[in-house]
Every structure is written in C-alpha cells, then in structure tokens.
Amino acid sequence: MKILFFATFREITKVKVLDMSSSDLSDIQQLLTLLIKRFPAFQDELFSDNNQLKPHIHIFVNGRNIIHLKGLSTPITNGDEIALFPPVAGG
C-alpha cells in the first residue's frame, strides 16, 4: 500500500510517499496507530484530547474520503493508496 503525505504531514514524515505492507493492518485506525508509533508527532496532529479524529483532517482511500466510507473502520488492503491531508488554511 502507498501512503501519501501532504503539507505538514510531509514535514513530520520527511517523505512524500511511504510504501507499506498491510498484512497486519485491516483498517484505517490500525494504520494510524502504526504511523503514530513510527512518527509520534502524528498523535497531536491527528487526534483531539478525547481521541477523536480532528475536524478538517482528510483521509482518502483510493480517492474516496473515509467520512463517506466507514470512517476509521474503513478497511484497507495491500493495493490501496491512502492520502493524508492536514487542515488547510488560506485566502
């Protein structure tokens, strides 16, 4: 599976794309848990104090936002492309 990082998430990981095997991962929640173990700064970037995904964080699996799928329970497989977008501000 390919994990694509954008903006500040790319700064945390120091990579644009991370190739991973999903043999032990069944859903987005497990993937995020693994990413937090590998990159601890993600904890505060992704989750609020009550362990809810922060608003305006967008996670896409194969081009579809997980809010339109099964949220953090969205299943993932080896062939998937997952994109993580932090909140974006601008004007």
N, C-alpha and C. Protein backbone atom coordinates (compact mmCIF):
# COMPACT_ATOMS: atom_id res chain seq x y z
N MET A 1 0.85 -1.17 0.00
CA MET A 1 0.00 0.00 0.00
C MET A 1 0.89 1.22 0.00
N LYS A 2 0.38 2.27 -0.62
CA LYS A 2 1.11 3.54 -0.65
C LYS A 2 0.38 4.53 0.24
N ILE A 3 1.16 5.21 1.07
CA ILE A 3 0.60 6.26 1.92
C ILE A 3 1.22 7.57 1.46
N LEU A 4 0.36 8.50 1.07
CA LEU A 4 0.80 9.80 0.58
C LEU A 4 0.59 10.84 1.67
N PHE A 5 1.63 11.64 1.92
CA PHE A 5 1.57 12.67 2.95
C PHE A 5 1.62 14.04 2.28
N PHE A 6 0.83 14.98 2.81
CA PHE A 6 0.78 16.31 2.25
C PHE A 6 1.03 17.36 3.33
N ALA A 7 1.59 18.49 2.88
CA ALA A 7 1.82 19.68 3.71
C ALA A 7 2.55 19.33 5.01
N THR A 8 1.99 19.71 6.16
CA THR A 8 2.68 19.50 7.44
C THR A 8 2.90 18.01 7.74
N PHE A 9 2.05 17.14 7.22
CA PHE A 9 2.25 15.71 7.44
C PHE A 9 3.54 15.25 6.74
N ARG A 10 3.82 15.84 5.61
CA ARG A 10 5.06 15.53 4.89
C ARG A 10 6.27 16.01 5.70
N GLU A 11 6.12 17.13 6.38
CA GLU A 11 7.21 17.64 7.22
C GLU A 11 7.49 16.69 8.39
N ILE A 12 6.45 16.09 8.93
CA ILE A 12 6.62 15.15 10.04
C ILE A 12 7.34 13.89 9.60
N THR A 13 6.95 13.35 8.45
CA THR A 13 7.49 12.07 7.99
C THR A 13 8.80 12.22 7.21
N LYS A 14 9.02 13.39 6.66
CA LYS A 14 10.19 13.64 5.80
C LYS A 14 10.14 12.85 4.48
N VAL A 15 8.95 12.35 4.13
CA VAL A 15 8.77 11.66 2.86
C VAL A 15 7.43 12.07 2.24
N LYS A 16 7.35 11.96 0.91
CA LYS A 16 6.09 12.21 0.21
C LYS A 16 5.23 10.96 0.17
N VAL A 17 5.90 9.80 -0.03
CA VAL A 17 5.19 8.53 -0.17
C VAL A 17 5.90 7.49 0.68
N LEU A 18 5.10 6.70 1.39
CA LEU A 18 5.62 5.61 2.19
C LEU A 18 4.97 4.32 1.70
N ASP A 19 5.79 3.37 1.28
CA ASP A 19 5.27 2.06 0.87
C ASP A 19 5.26 1.14 2.07
N MET A 20 4.11 0.53 2.34
CA MET A 20 3.96 -0.35 3.49
C MET A 20 3.20 -1.61 3.08
N SER A 21 3.43 -2.66 3.82
CA SER A 21 2.64 -3.88 3.67
C SER A 21 1.49 -3.81 4.66
N SER A 22 0.32 -4.22 4.24
CA SER A 22 -0.84 -4.13 5.13
C SER A 22 -1.24 -5.49 5.69
N SER A 23 -0.33 -6.46 5.66
CA SER A 23 -0.71 -7.80 6.10
C SER A 23 -1.22 -7.82 7.54
N ASP A 24 -0.72 -6.93 8.38
CA ASP A 24 -1.17 -6.88 9.77
C ASP A 24 -2.19 -5.78 10.01
N LEU A 25 -2.52 -5.04 8.97
CA LEU A 25 -3.42 -3.90 9.12
C LEU A 25 -4.74 -4.20 8.42
N SER A 26 -5.84 -3.99 9.13
CA SER A 26 -7.13 -4.27 8.50
C SER A 26 -7.96 -3.01 8.25
N ASP A 27 -7.63 -1.90 8.96
CA ASP A 27 -8.43 -0.69 8.76
C ASP A 27 -7.59 0.56 9.01
N ILE A 28 -8.19 1.70 8.75
CA ILE A 28 -7.51 2.99 8.89
C ILE A 28 -7.06 3.22 10.33
N GLN A 29 -7.86 2.86 11.32
CA GLN A 29 -7.48 3.05 12.72
C GLN A 29 -6.16 2.35 13.02
N GLN A 30 -6.01 1.11 12.56
CA GLN A 30 -4.77 0.38 12.80
C GLN A 30 -3.59 1.04 12.07
N LEU A 31 -3.84 1.53 10.87
CA LEU A 31 -2.79 2.22 10.13
C LEU A 31 -2.34 3.47 10.89
N LEU A 32 -3.28 4.27 11.35
CA LEU A 32 -2.93 5.49 12.08
C LEU A 32 -2.18 5.16 13.36
N THR A 33 -2.57 4.11 14.05
CA THR A 33 -1.87 3.69 15.26
C THR A 33 -0.42 3.35 14.93
N LEU A 34 -0.20 2.64 13.84
CA LEU A 34 1.16 2.30 13.42
C LEU A 34 1.95 3.54 13.04
N LEU A 35 1.32 4.46 12.33
CA LEU A 35 2.01 5.70 11.94
C LEU A 35 2.39 6.53 13.17
N ILE A 36 1.53 6.55 14.18
CA ILE A 36 1.83 7.29 15.40
C ILE A 36 3.02 6.66 16.13
N LYS A 37 3.10 5.33 16.12
CA LYS A 37 4.25 4.66 16.73
C LYS A 37 5.54 5.04 15.99
N ARG A 38 5.45 5.10 14.69
CA ARG A 38 6.62 5.42 13.87
C ARG A 38 6.96 6.90 13.89
N PHE A 39 5.91 7.74 13.92
CA PHE A 39 6.07 9.19 13.91
C PHE A 39 5.20 9.77 15.04
N PRO A 40 5.71 9.81 16.28
CA PRO A 40 4.89 10.22 17.44
C PRO A 40 4.21 11.58 17.30
N ALA A 41 4.76 12.48 16.52
CA ALA A 41 4.14 13.81 16.34
C ALA A 41 2.75 13.72 15.72
N PHE A 42 2.45 12.62 15.06
CA PHE A 42 1.12 12.46 14.47
C PHE A 42 0.01 12.43 15.52
N GLN A 43 0.28 11.96 16.71
CA GLN A 43 -0.76 11.86 17.75
C GLN A 43 -1.48 13.20 17.91
N ASP A 44 -0.72 14.26 18.16
CA ASP A 44 -1.33 15.57 18.38
C ASP A 44 -1.87 16.19 17.10
N GLU A 45 -1.31 15.81 15.98
CA GLU A 45 -1.78 16.35 14.70
C GLU A 45 -3.11 15.73 14.26
N LEU A 46 -3.29 14.45 14.56
CA LEU A 46 -4.47 13.73 14.07
C LEU A 46 -5.64 13.69 15.04
N PHE A 47 -5.34 13.55 16.33
CA PHE A 47 -6.40 13.28 17.30
C PHE A 47 -6.53 14.36 18.36
N SER A 48 -7.77 14.62 18.75
CA SER A 48 -8.05 15.57 19.83
C SER A 48 -7.82 14.88 21.18
N ASP A 49 -7.98 15.63 22.26
CA ASP A 49 -7.76 15.08 23.60
C ASP A 49 -8.66 13.90 23.92
N ASN A 50 -9.86 13.86 23.34
CA ASN A 50 -10.77 12.74 23.60
C ASN A 50 -10.60 11.62 22.56
N ASN A 51 -9.45 11.61 21.89
CA ASN A 51 -9.06 10.55 20.94
C ASN A 51 -9.99 10.45 19.73
N GLN A 52 -10.58 11.56 19.34
CA GLN A 52 -11.38 11.64 18.12
C GLN A 52 -10.53 12.27 17.01
N LEU A 53 -10.72 11.80 15.79
CA LEU A 53 -10.02 12.40 14.67
C LEU A 53 -10.39 13.87 14.60
N LYS A 54 -9.40 14.73 14.51
CA LYS A 54 -9.67 16.16 14.49
C LYS A 54 -10.46 16.55 13.25
N PRO A 55 -11.32 17.57 13.41
CA PRO A 55 -12.06 18.05 12.25
C PRO A 55 -11.09 18.60 11.20
N HIS A 56 -11.47 18.52 9.99
CA HIS A 56 -10.71 19.04 8.86
C HIS A 56 -9.48 18.21 8.51
N ILE A 57 -9.29 17.06 9.18
CA ILE A 57 -8.28 16.09 8.73
C ILE A 57 -8.98 15.24 7.68
N HIS A 58 -8.36 15.12 6.53
CA HIS A 58 -8.97 14.33 5.46
C HIS A 58 -8.09 13.14 5.13
N ILE A 59 -8.71 11.97 5.14
CA ILE A 59 -8.02 10.73 4.80
C ILE A 59 -8.80 10.09 3.66
N PHE A 60 -8.08 9.81 2.59
CA PHE A 60 -8.69 9.22 1.41
C PHE A 60 -8.13 7.83 1.17
N VAL A 61 -9.00 6.89 0.87
CA VAL A 61 -8.60 5.54 0.46
C VAL A 61 -9.02 5.39 -0.99
N ASN A 62 -8.04 5.24 -1.85
CA ASN A 62 -8.29 5.13 -3.29
C ASN A 62 -9.17 6.26 -3.81
N GLY A 63 -8.89 7.47 -3.34
CA GLY A 63 -9.60 8.65 -3.82
C GLY A 63 -10.92 8.94 -3.16
N ARG A 64 -11.32 8.11 -2.19
CA ARG A 64 -12.61 8.34 -1.50
C ARG A 64 -12.36 8.70 -0.04
N ASN A 65 -12.99 9.79 0.38
CA ASN A 65 -12.84 10.25 1.76
C ASN A 65 -13.47 9.24 2.72
N ILE A 66 -12.74 8.91 3.79
CA ILE A 66 -13.26 7.90 4.73
C ILE A 66 -14.54 8.34 5.42
N ILE A 67 -14.84 9.64 5.42
CA ILE A 67 -16.11 10.06 6.03
C ILE A 67 -17.30 9.55 5.22
N HIS A 68 -17.06 9.21 3.95
CA HIS A 68 -18.13 8.66 3.10
C HIS A 68 -18.06 7.14 3.04
N LEU A 69 -17.12 6.56 3.76
CA LEU A 69 -16.98 5.12 3.81
C LEU A 69 -17.34 4.67 5.22
N LYS A 70 -16.42 4.07 5.94
CA LYS A 70 -16.70 3.61 7.30
C LYS A 70 -15.85 4.31 8.35
N GLY A 71 -15.45 5.55 8.04
CA GLY A 71 -14.64 6.31 8.98
C GLY A 71 -13.34 5.60 9.30
N LEU A 72 -12.94 5.63 10.55
CA LEU A 72 -11.69 4.99 10.96
C LEU A 72 -11.75 3.47 10.81
N SER A 73 -12.94 2.92 10.66
CA SER A 73 -13.09 1.47 10.46
C SER A 73 -13.03 1.07 8.99
N THR A 74 -12.75 2.03 8.11
CA THR A 74 -12.66 1.74 6.68
C THR A 74 -11.58 0.68 6.44
N PRO A 75 -11.94 -0.43 5.80
CA PRO A 75 -10.95 -1.48 5.55
C PRO A 75 -9.88 -1.04 4.55
N ILE A 76 -8.68 -1.60 4.70
CA ILE A 76 -7.59 -1.33 3.77
C ILE A 76 -6.93 -2.64 3.36
N THR A 77 -6.33 -2.62 2.16
CA THR A 77 -5.62 -3.80 1.65
C THR A 77 -4.29 -3.35 1.04
N ASN A 78 -3.47 -4.32 0.68
CA ASN A 78 -2.14 -4.03 0.16
C ASN A 78 -2.13 -3.14 -1.06
N GLY A 79 -3.12 -3.24 -1.94
CA GLY A 79 -3.11 -2.47 -3.17
C GLY A 79 -3.65 -1.06 -3.04
N ASP A 80 -4.04 -0.66 -1.85
CA ASP A 80 -4.68 0.65 -1.65
C ASP A 80 -3.67 1.80 -1.67
N GLU A 81 -4.21 2.97 -2.03
CA GLU A 81 -3.46 4.22 -1.92
C GLU A 81 -4.19 5.07 -0.89
N ILE A 82 -3.49 5.44 0.17
CA ILE A 82 -4.08 6.23 1.25
C ILE A 82 -3.41 7.59 1.26
N ALA A 83 -4.21 8.64 1.24
CA ALA A 83 -3.69 10.01 1.25
C ALA A 83 -4.15 10.70 2.53
N LEU A 84 -3.19 11.34 3.20
CA LEU A 84 -3.47 12.05 4.45
C LEU A 84 -3.24 13.54 4.25
N PHE A 85 -4.31 14.32 4.47
CA PHE A 85 -4.25 15.77 4.31
C PHE A 85 -4.52 16.46 5.65
N PRO A 86 -3.63 17.36 6.07
CA PRO A 86 -3.89 18.13 7.28
C PRO A 86 -4.89 19.24 6.98
N PRO A 87 -5.35 19.93 8.02
CA PRO A 87 -6.22 21.09 7.78
C PRO A 87 -5.47 22.11 6.92
N VAL A 88 -6.21 22.74 6.03
CA VAL A 88 -5.60 23.73 5.12
C VAL A 88 -6.26 25.07 5.35
N ALA A 89 -5.42 26.10 5.44
CA ALA A 89 -5.95 27.45 5.60
C ALA A 89 -5.39 28.28 4.45
N GLY A 90 -6.07 29.30 4.13
CA GLY A 90 -5.59 30.15 3.06
C GLY A 90 -6.57 31.26 2.77
N GLY A 91 -6.24 31.99 1.80
CA GLY A 91 -7.13 33.08 1.48
C GLY A 91 -6.74 33.77 0.22
